[in-house]
Amino acid sequence: MTLAQATGDTPPRPYLDELSAALERARRANRQSLTEAAAIVERVVAGDGIVFAFGSGHSQLAVLDLNRRAGSIAALQVVFDPSWGAAEHVAGYGETLLADAAPGPRDCLIAISHSGSTVAAIDVASRTRAAGAPVIAVTSRRASRSAPESPGRRLWELADVVLDDGSPDEESGIGGHGPSLWVAPTSTVVATALLHEVVGEAIGRMAARAVEAPVLRSNSDVGGRQHIERLRDLYRARVRLVPEDGKRDTRVGS
């Protein structure tokens, strides 16, 4: 029997403990920014705009966790990176991802780059700002300051609102496995949590004003399938399914 079992204490869980600390840092770092980001998303969705979301590599996992799922919004367009980060530092690559669908003045963009130096994220954010749409960045200011120089500006410098993932290091995780060796990173989980917080608050703000939000429901809910089909019809011409397979019309509902 371990000491923890004998005393009834909870045994240490290195990753879960570090993740809990990372989430608390992000909570403290973004008290005002979360509200400001939610206000942008509320304004865009209530105004019949589209929330675009982009992240390359593992950051793409965070935006995909919002995509076409119960509890999220139908007014969401993931800017999908088919290279999964392999081309994220190729100049101009981000702009090519917006060739078929790009944010306009009534839309907004959520862009994720922990380092703040991902060229594709900077390209997407720059083009969005040029189109007159607000940008919400999810990044680490500290990591941005220490990351190698990249062409153009850091992502947070292009944003109207910055959600700082609160990481004290270039990539927070668990140390002690060797010199400068870290494992079990937390940034993707924290970014995902921040995005769900923003969308959830935006939906709550709309509900408080008696404005119906296009919230997706589960197929297993009573009437869920019909509800989803109604939202798909509403956004069919403006939101494309991702990833695209190139073999059929990939707009929502097709």
Protein backbone atom coordinates (compact mmCIF):
# COMPACT_ATOMS: atom_id res chain seq x y z
CA MET A 1 0.00 0.00 0.00
CA THR A 2 1.32 3.42 -0.93
CA LEU A 3 1.35 6.40 1.40
CA ALA A 4 -1.30 8.07 -0.73
CA GLN A 5 -3.57 5.04 -0.41
CA ALA A 6 -2.99 4.82 3.33
CA THR A 7 -3.78 8.49 3.97
CA GLY A 8 -6.51 8.80 1.39
CA ASP A 9 -4.61 11.53 -0.42
CA THR A 10 -4.87 11.84 -4.18
CA PRO A 11 -1.67 10.52 -5.79
CA PRO A 12 0.20 12.95 -8.02
CA ARG A 13 -0.71 12.83 -11.70
CA PRO A 14 2.11 14.70 -13.45
CA TYR A 15 0.31 15.53 -16.70
CA LEU A 16 -3.13 16.16 -15.21
CA ASP A 17 -1.61 18.30 -12.47
CA GLU A 18 0.37 20.35 -15.00
CA LEU A 19 -2.69 20.65 -17.24
CA SER A 20 -4.76 21.90 -14.32
CA ALA A 21 -2.09 24.50 -13.57
CA ALA A 22 -1.92 25.50 -17.26
CA LEU A 23 -5.68 25.98 -17.42
CA GLU A 24 -5.60 28.12 -14.28
CA ARG A 25 -2.81 30.28 -15.77
CA ALA A 26 -4.91 30.72 -18.91
CA ARG A 27 -7.96 31.62 -16.83
CA ARG A 28 -6.02 34.33 -14.97
CA ALA A 29 -4.35 35.65 -18.11
CA ASN A 30 -7.59 36.07 -20.08
CA ARG A 31 -10.28 37.38 -17.75
CA GLN A 32 -11.00 40.38 -19.97
CA SER A 33 -9.88 38.90 -23.29
CA LEU A 34 -12.31 35.99 -23.10
CA THR A 35 -15.21 38.42 -22.71
CA GLU A 36 -13.96 40.57 -25.57
CA ALA A 37 -13.53 37.54 -27.85
CA ALA A 38 -17.00 36.27 -26.96
CA ALA A 39 -18.45 39.67 -27.82
CA ILE A 40 -16.90 39.49 -31.29
CA VAL A 41 -18.22 35.98 -31.91
CA GLU A 42 -21.66 36.99 -30.62
CA ARG A 43 -21.77 40.01 -32.93
CA VAL A 44 -20.68 37.98 -35.95
CA VAL A 45 -23.07 35.05 -35.42
CA ALA A 46 -26.02 37.28 -34.50
CA GLY A 47 -25.29 39.35 -37.59
CA ASP A 48 -25.44 36.26 -39.83
CA GLY A 49 -21.69 36.18 -40.35
CA ILE A 50 -19.28 33.26 -40.22
CA VAL A 51 -16.62 32.48 -37.63
CA PHE A 52 -13.52 31.30 -39.50
CA ALA A 53 -10.98 29.26 -37.53
CA PHE A 54 -7.42 28.33 -38.44
CA GLY A 55 -4.56 26.42 -36.88
CA SER A 56 -1.88 24.31 -38.52
CA GLY A 57 -0.22 21.20 -37.18
CA HIS A 58 -1.46 20.32 -33.71
CA SER A 59 -3.21 23.70 -33.45
CA GLN A 60 -5.58 22.42 -36.12
CA LEU A 61 -6.86 19.87 -33.60
CA ALA A 62 -8.20 22.70 -31.47
CA VAL A 63 -10.25 24.28 -34.26
CA LEU A 64 -11.49 20.89 -35.46
CA ASP A 65 -12.85 20.24 -31.96
CA LEU A 66 -15.34 23.05 -32.64
CA ASN A 67 -16.24 21.72 -36.07
CA ARG A 68 -19.67 20.16 -36.76
CA ARG A 69 -20.19 18.88 -33.23
CA ALA A 70 -23.04 19.06 -30.74
CA GLY A 71 -22.70 22.10 -28.52
CA SER A 72 -20.81 24.16 -31.08
CA ILE A 73 -22.13 26.50 -33.76
CA ALA A 74 -23.09 25.84 -37.37
CA ALA A 75 -21.78 29.28 -38.38
CA LEU A 76 -18.20 28.01 -38.31
CA GLN A 77 -15.78 27.56 -41.19
CA VAL A 78 -12.54 25.73 -40.49
CA VAL A 79 -9.74 26.88 -42.80
CA PHE A 80 -8.32 23.41 -43.24
CA ASP A 81 -4.60 22.78 -43.65
CA PRO A 82 -4.23 19.53 -45.64
CA SER A 83 -0.48 19.50 -44.98
CA TRP A 84 -1.06 19.32 -41.21
CA GLY A 85 1.71 21.83 -40.61
CA ALA A 86 4.26 20.53 -43.11
CA ALA A 87 3.96 23.74 -45.14
CA GLU A 88 3.12 26.15 -42.31
CA HIS A 89 6.33 28.14 -42.76
CA VAL A 90 6.11 28.43 -46.54
CA ALA A 91 5.49 32.06 -47.46
CA GLY A 92 2.10 32.55 -49.09
CA TYR A 93 0.79 29.11 -48.13
CA GLY A 94 -1.77 30.55 -45.73
CA GLU A 95 -3.20 32.76 -48.44
CA THR A 96 -3.73 29.79 -50.74
CA LEU A 97 -5.86 28.15 -48.03
CA LEU A 98 -8.24 31.12 -48.29
CA ALA A 99 -8.58 30.89 -52.07
CA ASP A 100 -12.09 29.38 -52.02
CA ALA A 101 -13.50 30.97 -48.88
CA ALA A 102 -12.15 34.03 -47.12
CA PRO A 103 -13.53 36.14 -44.25
CA GLY A 104 -15.36 39.34 -45.13
CA PRO A 105 -16.24 42.43 -43.06
CA ARG A 106 -19.16 40.77 -41.27
CA ASP A 107 -17.12 37.69 -40.34
CA CYS A 108 -14.25 37.08 -37.91
CA LEU A 109 -11.20 34.82 -37.65
CA ILE A 110 -9.83 32.76 -34.79
CA ALA A 111 -6.16 31.95 -35.50
CA ILE A 112 -3.98 29.71 -33.33
CA SER A 113 -0.20 29.61 -33.10
CA HIS A 114 1.43 28.85 -29.76
CA SER A 115 4.75 30.32 -30.90
CA GLY A 116 3.08 33.25 -32.63
CA SER A 117 5.55 32.86 -35.50
CA THR A 118 3.76 30.33 -37.71
CA VAL A 119 3.90 31.91 -41.17
CA ALA A 120 0.62 30.37 -42.38
CA ALA A 121 -1.28 31.72 -39.36
CA ILE A 122 0.26 35.15 -39.88
CA ASP A 123 -0.70 35.07 -43.59
CA VAL A 124 -4.30 34.10 -42.81
CA ALA A 125 -4.58 36.77 -40.10
CA SER A 126 -3.06 39.45 -42.35
CA ARG A 127 -5.47 38.75 -45.18
CA THR A 128 -8.40 38.72 -42.78
CA ARG A 129 -7.46 42.11 -41.36
CA ALA A 130 -7.10 43.48 -44.89
CA ALA A 131 -10.67 42.32 -45.58
CA GLY A 132 -11.93 44.30 -42.58
CA ALA A 133 -12.74 41.35 -40.32
CA PRO A 134 -11.61 41.17 -36.68
CA VAL A 135 -8.98 38.63 -35.62
CA ILE A 136 -8.88 36.66 -32.38
CA ALA A 137 -5.45 35.15 -31.74
CA VAL A 138 -4.73 32.20 -29.45
CA THR A 139 -1.02 32.26 -28.71
CA SER A 140 1.66 32.61 -26.05
CA ARG A 141 3.13 36.08 -25.73
CA ARG A 142 6.14 34.66 -23.90
CA ALA A 143 6.79 32.01 -26.55
CA SER A 144 6.36 34.67 -29.24
CA ARG A 145 9.14 36.74 -27.74
CA SER A 146 11.58 33.81 -27.70
CA ALA A 147 10.65 32.16 -31.02
CA PRO A 148 13.00 32.52 -34.02
CA GLU A 149 12.26 35.50 -36.21
CA SER A 150 9.81 34.95 -39.07
CA PRO A 151 8.77 37.22 -41.95
CA GLY A 152 6.22 39.84 -40.96
CA ARG A 153 4.75 40.40 -37.53
CA ARG A 154 3.92 38.07 -34.65
CA LEU A 155 0.38 36.75 -34.60
CA TRP A 156 -0.60 38.66 -31.48
CA GLU A 157 0.38 41.92 -33.19
CA LEU A 158 -2.25 41.29 -35.88
CA ALA A 159 -5.09 40.49 -33.47
CA ASP A 160 -7.95 42.59 -32.18
CA VAL A 161 -8.13 40.29 -29.15
CA VAL A 162 -5.36 38.04 -27.82
CA LEU A 163 -6.07 34.88 -25.85
CA ASP A 164 -2.78 34.03 -24.15
CA ASP A 165 -2.44 30.34 -23.36
CA GLY A 166 -0.45 31.36 -20.29
CA SER A 167 2.47 29.03 -20.93
CA PRO A 168 5.61 30.08 -19.04
CA ASP A 169 7.81 28.23 -21.54
CA GLU A 170 8.09 27.73 -25.29
CA GLU A 171 5.92 24.63 -24.81
CA SER A 172 4.62 23.80 -21.37
CA GLY A 173 4.59 20.17 -20.28
CA ILE A 174 6.31 17.79 -17.89
CA GLY A 175 10.05 18.06 -17.32
CA GLY A 176 12.53 15.94 -15.44
CA HIS A 177 13.04 13.28 -18.11
CA GLY A 178 16.51 14.43 -19.04
CA PRO A 179 18.34 17.69 -19.82
CA SER A 180 15.92 20.09 -21.51
CA LEU A 181 13.54 17.21 -22.21
CA TRP A 182 9.82 17.92 -21.89
CA VAL A 183 6.93 15.57 -22.60
CA ALA A 184 3.12 15.69 -22.59
CA PRO A 185 2.54 19.25 -23.91
CA THR A 186 -0.51 21.18 -22.77
CA SER A 187 -0.91 24.02 -25.29
CA THR A 188 -3.38 22.25 -27.61
CA VAL A 189 -5.69 21.27 -24.75
CA VAL A 190 -5.56 24.79 -23.31
CA ALA A 191 -6.28 26.34 -26.73
CA THR A 192 -9.26 24.02 -27.16
CA ALA A 193 -10.61 24.98 -23.74
CA LEU A 194 -10.26 28.69 -24.52
CA LEU A 195 -12.18 28.26 -27.79
CA HIS A 196 -15.03 26.41 -26.13
CA GLU A 197 -15.15 29.08 -23.41
CA VAL A 198 -15.45 31.82 -26.04
CA VAL A 199 -18.16 30.05 -28.04
CA GLY A 200 -20.07 29.09 -24.91
CA GLU A 201 -20.04 32.65 -23.60
CA ALA A 202 -21.08 34.02 -26.99
CA ILE A 203 -24.05 31.65 -27.09
CA GLY A 204 -24.97 32.62 -23.54
CA ARG A 205 -24.88 36.30 -24.44
CA MET A 206 -27.18 35.68 -27.40
CA ALA A 207 -29.59 33.69 -25.24
CA ALA A 208 -29.71 36.55 -22.73
CA ARG A 209 -30.90 38.81 -25.56
CA ALA A 210 -33.43 36.21 -26.74
CA VAL A 211 -31.46 35.77 -29.97
CA GLU A 212 -31.45 32.22 -31.29
CA ALA A 213 -27.93 30.90 -31.78
CA PRO A 214 -27.25 28.25 -34.46
CA VAL A 215 -26.16 25.65 -31.90
CA LEU A 216 -25.71 22.12 -33.20
CA ARG A 217 -27.40 19.31 -31.31
CA SER A 218 -26.70 15.62 -31.05
CA ASN A 219 -28.17 13.25 -33.62
CA SER A 220 -29.42 11.16 -30.69
CA ASP A 221 -31.52 14.02 -29.24
CA VAL A 222 -35.23 13.96 -29.89
CA GLY A 223 -35.60 16.13 -32.98
CA GLY A 224 -31.81 16.45 -33.20
CA ARG A 225 -31.48 15.27 -36.78
CA GLN A 226 -34.17 17.65 -38.00
CA HIS A 227 -32.54 20.51 -36.12
CA ILE A 228 -29.16 19.78 -37.69
CA GLU A 229 -30.69 19.60 -41.18
CA ARG A 230 -32.35 22.97 -40.65
CA LEU A 231 -29.02 24.55 -39.74
CA ARG A 232 -27.29 22.83 -42.66
CA ASP A 233 -29.85 24.31 -45.01
CA LEU A 234 -29.29 27.73 -43.46
CA TYR A 235 -25.52 27.65 -44.04
CA ARG A 236 -25.36 25.26 -47.01
CA ALA A 237 -24.08 27.85 -49.49
CA ARG A 238 -21.52 29.45 -47.16
CA VAL A 239 -19.86 26.75 -45.04
CA ARG A 240 -17.83 23.97 -46.59
CA LEU A 241 -17.19 20.60 -45.00
CA VAL A 242 -13.61 19.79 -44.08
CA PRO A 243 -11.45 18.04 -44.92
CA GLU A 244 -12.43 18.21 -48.55
CA ASP A 245 -12.06 15.07 -50.64
CA GLY A 246 -12.23 16.75 -54.03
CA LYS A 247 -14.86 14.28 -55.22
CA ARG A 248 -18.10 16.03 -54.32
CA ASP A 249 -19.65 19.30 -53.28
CA THR A 250 -18.41 19.70 -49.73
CA ARG A 251 -20.64 22.51 -48.57
CA VAL A 252 -22.49 21.85 -45.31
CA GLY A 253 -25.48 19.62 -45.92
CA SER A 254 -24.38 18.34 -49.32
